[in-house]
Amino acid sequence: MKRLLLAGALLAHPALAAAPNISLGAGSGSSLSAPMQIVLLLTLMTLLPAVIMSVTPFLRIVVVLHFLRQALGTQSTPSNQVLIGLALFLSILIVQPVAMEVYAKGWEPVEKGQLTLAQGLEEGAKPLKTFLGRFAREKDVQLLIEITHRPAPRSPADLDLVVLAPAYILSELKAAFQIGAVLFLPFLIIDLVVASVTLSAGMIQLPPVMISAPFKLLLFVLADGWNLVVGSLVRSFY
């Protein structure tokens, strides 16, 4: 978990690099008072969970699982806590090698005094950039470069996290919605068939959802749906 927190903190690299004198140590030449520094650190810690959830596979996984629950028509089953817990542990499983590489290249040299904090952040950001760059679409990267009015990078390694992170989020949302649309199709067919049968039989007062729900659950269980969905999601990141 320490490695995951470090990977998320790297997104604040531009701000940290721009203010190298901000430190909690006494007599370090800090330009901010200690209470203000504590407020800034607590603010960063508050935003850190949202940052980690946005730039990890958690985003795609939780959106797809939400679409799956809607397609099954089971309302609040599984609950939000169950879906978030499953997405969180799957995200840790996928991002663990990246977090270990960030820790080895960024944190350990700083602890040993081999690199400064700014250098450690720069070195630790490289594995994170590589991971985000694998899934960020070129179209989304181009959009963020135009919005920020930054010069076009010579190579993907030159992209800044300020551009790469939101581009990754946009790309993941697109991928998650595509997967969700595909998941909806077989269950939508069942709903259409059940609705046409009930209407032709004159059962207007009986909601078709009540009849189709057991058939959708039966199809999902017989196809071992959880294994297929989770397996496909995890393999999509390799």
Protein backbone atom coordinates (compact mmCIF):
# COMPACT_ATOMS: atom_id res chain seq x y z
CA MET A 1 0.00 0.00 0.00
CA LYS A 2 2.95 2.32 0.65
CA ARG A 3 4.09 1.78 -2.93
CA LEU A 4 0.59 2.56 -4.25
CA LEU A 5 0.47 5.79 -2.26
CA LEU A 6 3.86 6.78 -3.65
CA ALA A 7 2.68 6.13 -7.21
CA GLY A 8 -0.32 8.38 -6.65
CA ALA A 9 1.80 11.11 -5.07
CA LEU A 10 3.89 11.29 -8.24
CA LEU A 11 1.02 13.09 -9.94
CA ALA A 12 1.86 16.09 -7.79
CA HIS A 13 5.39 16.09 -9.22
CA PRO A 14 5.08 19.39 -11.15
CA ALA A 15 3.89 21.21 -8.03
CA LEU A 16 6.56 19.67 -5.83
CA ALA A 17 9.30 20.39 -8.32
CA ALA A 18 8.18 23.99 -8.61
CA ALA A 19 8.36 24.46 -4.84
CA PRO A 20 11.46 22.61 -3.65
CA ASN A 21 11.73 24.75 -0.51
CA ILE A 22 8.49 23.45 0.99
CA SER A 23 9.58 21.18 3.81
CA LEU A 24 8.47 20.27 7.31
CA GLY A 25 11.98 20.25 8.63
CA ALA A 26 12.98 23.05 10.98
CA GLY A 27 15.66 25.37 9.76
CA SER A 28 15.45 24.12 6.17
CA GLY A 29 14.85 27.56 4.70
CA SER A 30 11.15 26.92 4.15
CA SER A 31 9.13 29.83 2.78
CA LEU A 32 5.89 28.61 4.40
CA SER A 33 5.01 28.33 8.06
CA ALA A 34 4.62 24.92 9.65
CA PRO A 35 0.79 25.18 10.06
CA MET A 36 0.42 26.07 6.38
CA GLN A 37 2.64 23.17 5.37
CA ILE A 38 0.52 20.78 7.47
CA VAL A 39 -2.66 22.10 5.83
CA LEU A 40 -1.16 21.55 2.36
CA LEU A 41 -0.01 18.02 3.22
CA LEU A 42 -3.41 17.09 4.67
CA THR A 43 -5.10 18.47 1.54
CA LEU A 44 -2.86 16.32 -0.67
CA MET A 45 -3.59 13.25 1.47
CA THR A 46 -7.33 13.93 1.13
CA LEU A 47 -7.10 14.06 -2.67
CA LEU A 48 -4.71 11.10 -2.93
CA PRO A 49 -7.37 8.31 -2.86
CA ALA A 50 -9.29 9.95 -5.71
CA VAL A 51 -6.06 10.36 -7.68
CA ILE A 52 -5.09 6.70 -7.20
CA MET A 53 -8.56 5.50 -8.21
CA SER A 54 -8.46 7.63 -11.36
CA VAL A 55 -5.03 6.62 -12.70
CA THR A 56 -5.21 2.89 -11.96
CA PRO A 57 -7.27 0.06 -13.50
CA PHE A 58 -9.85 0.73 -10.77
CA LEU A 59 -11.60 3.21 -13.07
CA ARG A 60 -12.29 0.77 -15.90
CA ILE A 61 -13.12 -2.15 -13.61
CA VAL A 62 -15.64 -0.35 -11.41
CA VAL A 63 -17.46 1.21 -14.38
CA VAL A 64 -17.74 -2.17 -16.16
CA LEU A 65 -19.01 -3.86 -12.98
CA HIS A 66 -21.61 -1.11 -12.60
CA PHE A 67 -22.81 -1.68 -16.18
CA LEU A 68 -22.94 -5.43 -15.53
CA ARG A 69 -25.16 -4.95 -12.49
CA GLN A 70 -27.47 -2.67 -14.47
CA ALA A 71 -27.64 -5.20 -17.32
CA LEU A 72 -28.56 -8.00 -14.92
CA GLY A 73 -31.31 -5.84 -13.45
CA THR A 74 -30.47 -6.85 -9.87
CA GLN A 75 -30.81 -3.27 -8.59
CA SER A 76 -28.36 -3.03 -5.65
CA THR A 77 -27.01 -6.60 -5.68
CA PRO A 78 -24.04 -6.91 -5.47
CA SER A 79 -23.83 -3.83 -3.28
CA ASN A 80 -21.57 -0.88 -4.03
CA GLN A 81 -19.19 -1.95 -1.27
CA VAL A 82 -18.74 -5.37 -2.86
CA LEU A 83 -18.13 -3.96 -6.34
CA ILE A 84 -15.68 -1.35 -5.04
CA GLY A 85 -13.85 -3.96 -2.97
CA LEU A 86 -13.52 -6.31 -5.95
CA ALA A 87 -12.34 -3.46 -8.20
CA LEU A 88 -9.84 -2.32 -5.57
CA PHE A 89 -8.21 -5.71 -5.08
CA LEU A 90 -8.08 -6.38 -8.81
CA SER A 91 -6.48 -2.96 -9.30
CA ILE A 92 -3.84 -3.73 -6.67
CA LEU A 93 -3.12 -7.04 -8.40
CA ILE A 94 -2.63 -5.35 -11.77
CA VAL A 95 -0.72 -2.26 -10.68
CA GLN A 96 1.55 -3.96 -8.12
CA PRO A 97 4.49 -4.47 -10.53
CA VAL A 98 4.33 -0.80 -11.56
CA ALA A 99 4.15 0.34 -7.94
CA MET A 100 7.15 -1.83 -7.01
CA GLU A 101 9.15 -0.35 -9.89
CA VAL A 102 8.18 3.18 -8.84
CA TYR A 103 9.24 2.39 -5.28
CA ALA A 104 12.57 0.92 -6.37
CA LYS A 105 13.46 3.75 -8.75
CA GLY A 106 12.00 6.71 -6.90
CA TRP A 107 11.70 6.13 -3.16
CA GLU A 108 14.63 3.89 -2.28
CA PRO A 109 17.33 6.15 -3.84
CA VAL A 110 15.86 9.15 -1.98
CA GLU A 111 15.92 7.23 1.31
CA LYS A 112 19.54 6.24 0.73
CA GLY A 113 20.51 9.81 -0.13
CA GLN A 114 21.48 8.92 -3.70
CA LEU A 115 18.91 11.29 -5.24
CA THR A 116 17.18 14.46 -4.21
CA LEU A 117 13.41 14.55 -3.78
CA ALA A 118 12.88 16.22 -7.16
CA GLN A 119 15.15 13.67 -8.88
CA GLY A 120 13.41 10.81 -7.10
CA LEU A 121 10.02 12.04 -8.25
CA GLU A 122 11.29 12.34 -11.81
CA GLU A 123 12.77 8.84 -11.83
CA GLY A 124 9.77 7.30 -10.11
CA ALA A 125 7.38 8.93 -12.56
CA LYS A 126 8.91 7.10 -15.53
CA PRO A 127 7.29 3.66 -14.84
CA LEU A 128 3.98 5.39 -14.14
CA LYS A 129 4.20 7.30 -17.42
CA THR A 130 4.95 4.07 -19.27
CA PHE A 131 1.90 2.39 -17.74
CA LEU A 132 -0.43 5.30 -18.46
CA GLY A 133 0.97 5.74 -21.96
CA ARG A 134 0.08 2.14 -22.87
CA PHE A 135 -3.65 2.83 -22.46
CA ALA A 136 -3.96 6.55 -23.24
CA ARG A 137 -5.25 7.05 -26.77
CA GLU A 138 -3.32 9.34 -29.07
CA LYS A 139 -6.49 11.31 -29.80
CA ASP A 140 -7.04 12.05 -26.11
CA VAL A 141 -3.39 13.00 -25.61
CA GLN A 142 -3.62 15.39 -28.56
CA LEU A 143 -6.77 16.94 -27.10
CA LEU A 144 -5.10 17.62 -23.74
CA ILE A 145 -2.00 19.04 -25.44
CA GLU A 146 -4.20 21.48 -27.39
CA ILE A 147 -6.14 22.44 -24.27
CA THR A 148 -2.99 23.13 -22.23
CA HIS A 149 -1.22 24.83 -25.19
CA ARG A 150 1.89 22.73 -24.61
CA PRO A 151 4.40 22.01 -27.37
CA ALA A 152 4.07 18.63 -29.04
CA PRO A 153 6.44 16.10 -27.40
CA ARG A 154 9.15 14.47 -29.47
CA SER A 155 8.39 11.04 -27.96
CA PRO A 156 5.80 9.53 -25.57
CA ALA A 157 8.42 9.60 -22.79
CA ASP A 158 8.41 13.41 -22.97
CA LEU A 159 4.72 13.66 -22.05
CA ASP A 160 4.00 15.31 -18.71
CA LEU A 161 1.74 13.65 -16.15
CA VAL A 162 -0.44 16.76 -16.23
CA VAL A 163 -1.38 15.77 -19.80
CA LEU A 164 -1.01 12.00 -19.57
CA ALA A 165 -3.21 11.45 -16.50
CA PRO A 166 -6.43 13.07 -17.82
CA ALA A 167 -5.81 11.50 -21.24
CA TYR A 168 -5.62 8.11 -19.53
CA ILE A 169 -8.88 8.79 -17.67
CA LEU A 170 -10.69 9.71 -20.90
CA SER A 171 -9.35 6.61 -22.65
CA GLU A 172 -10.36 4.35 -19.77
CA LEU A 173 -13.88 5.78 -19.70
CA LYS A 174 -14.24 5.10 -23.43
CA ALA A 175 -12.96 1.53 -23.04
CA ALA A 176 -15.24 0.91 -20.05
CA PHE A 177 -18.32 2.17 -21.90
CA GLN A 178 -17.47 0.01 -24.91
CA ILE A 179 -17.21 -3.09 -22.73
CA GLY A 180 -20.42 -2.15 -20.92
CA ALA A 181 -22.29 -1.82 -24.21
CA VAL A 182 -21.17 -5.29 -25.25
CA LEU A 183 -22.25 -6.71 -21.88
CA PHE A 184 -25.71 -5.21 -22.28
CA LEU A 185 -26.46 -6.89 -25.64
CA PRO A 186 -27.26 -10.51 -24.57
CA PHE A 187 -29.38 -9.34 -21.63
CA LEU A 188 -31.17 -6.80 -23.84
CA ILE A 189 -32.13 -9.63 -26.22
CA ILE A 190 -33.65 -11.55 -23.30
CA ASP A 191 -35.64 -8.47 -22.25
CA LEU A 192 -36.96 -7.99 -25.80
CA VAL A 193 -38.00 -11.63 -26.13
CA VAL A 194 -39.75 -11.69 -22.76
CA ALA A 195 -41.48 -8.37 -23.44
CA SER A 196 -42.79 -9.56 -26.83
CA VAL A 197 -44.05 -12.84 -25.33
CA THR A 198 -45.84 -11.15 -22.42
CA LEU A 199 -47.47 -8.59 -24.71
CA SER A 200 -48.60 -11.24 -27.18
CA ALA A 201 -50.05 -13.28 -24.30
CA GLY A 202 -51.98 -10.24 -23.05
CA MET A 203 -50.15 -10.04 -19.71
CA ILE A 204 -49.97 -6.24 -19.79
CA GLN A 205 -50.11 -5.73 -16.02
CA LEU A 206 -47.18 -8.07 -15.36
CA PRO A 207 -43.83 -6.20 -15.64
CA PRO A 208 -41.55 -7.99 -18.13
CA VAL A 209 -38.57 -7.28 -15.84
CA MET A 210 -39.92 -9.66 -13.21
CA ILE A 211 -39.98 -12.49 -15.75
CA SER A 212 -36.71 -11.72 -17.52
CA ALA A 213 -34.62 -11.30 -14.35
CA PRO A 214 -34.51 -15.04 -13.50
CA PHE A 215 -33.61 -15.92 -17.10
CA LYS A 216 -30.79 -13.37 -17.15
CA LEU A 217 -29.42 -14.63 -13.85
CA LEU A 218 -29.65 -18.23 -15.08
CA LEU A 219 -27.78 -17.34 -18.28
CA PHE A 220 -25.11 -15.48 -16.31
CA VAL A 221 -24.59 -18.35 -13.85
CA LEU A 222 -24.52 -21.08 -16.51
CA ALA A 223 -21.95 -19.12 -18.54
CA ASP A 224 -19.81 -18.59 -15.39
CA GLY A 225 -20.18 -14.87 -15.98
CA TRP A 226 -18.08 -13.59 -13.09
CA ASN A 227 -15.10 -15.64 -14.22
CA LEU A 228 -15.47 -14.45 -17.81
CA VAL A 229 -15.94 -10.77 -16.96
CA VAL A 230 -13.18 -10.54 -14.36
CA GLY A 231 -10.80 -12.61 -16.48
CA SER A 232 -11.38 -10.47 -19.54
CA LEU A 233 -10.94 -7.24 -17.54
CA VAL A 234 -7.64 -8.34 -16.00
CA ARG A 235 -6.28 -9.70 -19.29
CA SER A 236 -7.11 -6.42 -21.03
CA PHE A 237 -4.31 -4.74 -19.03
CA TYR A 238 -1.61 -7.20 -20.12
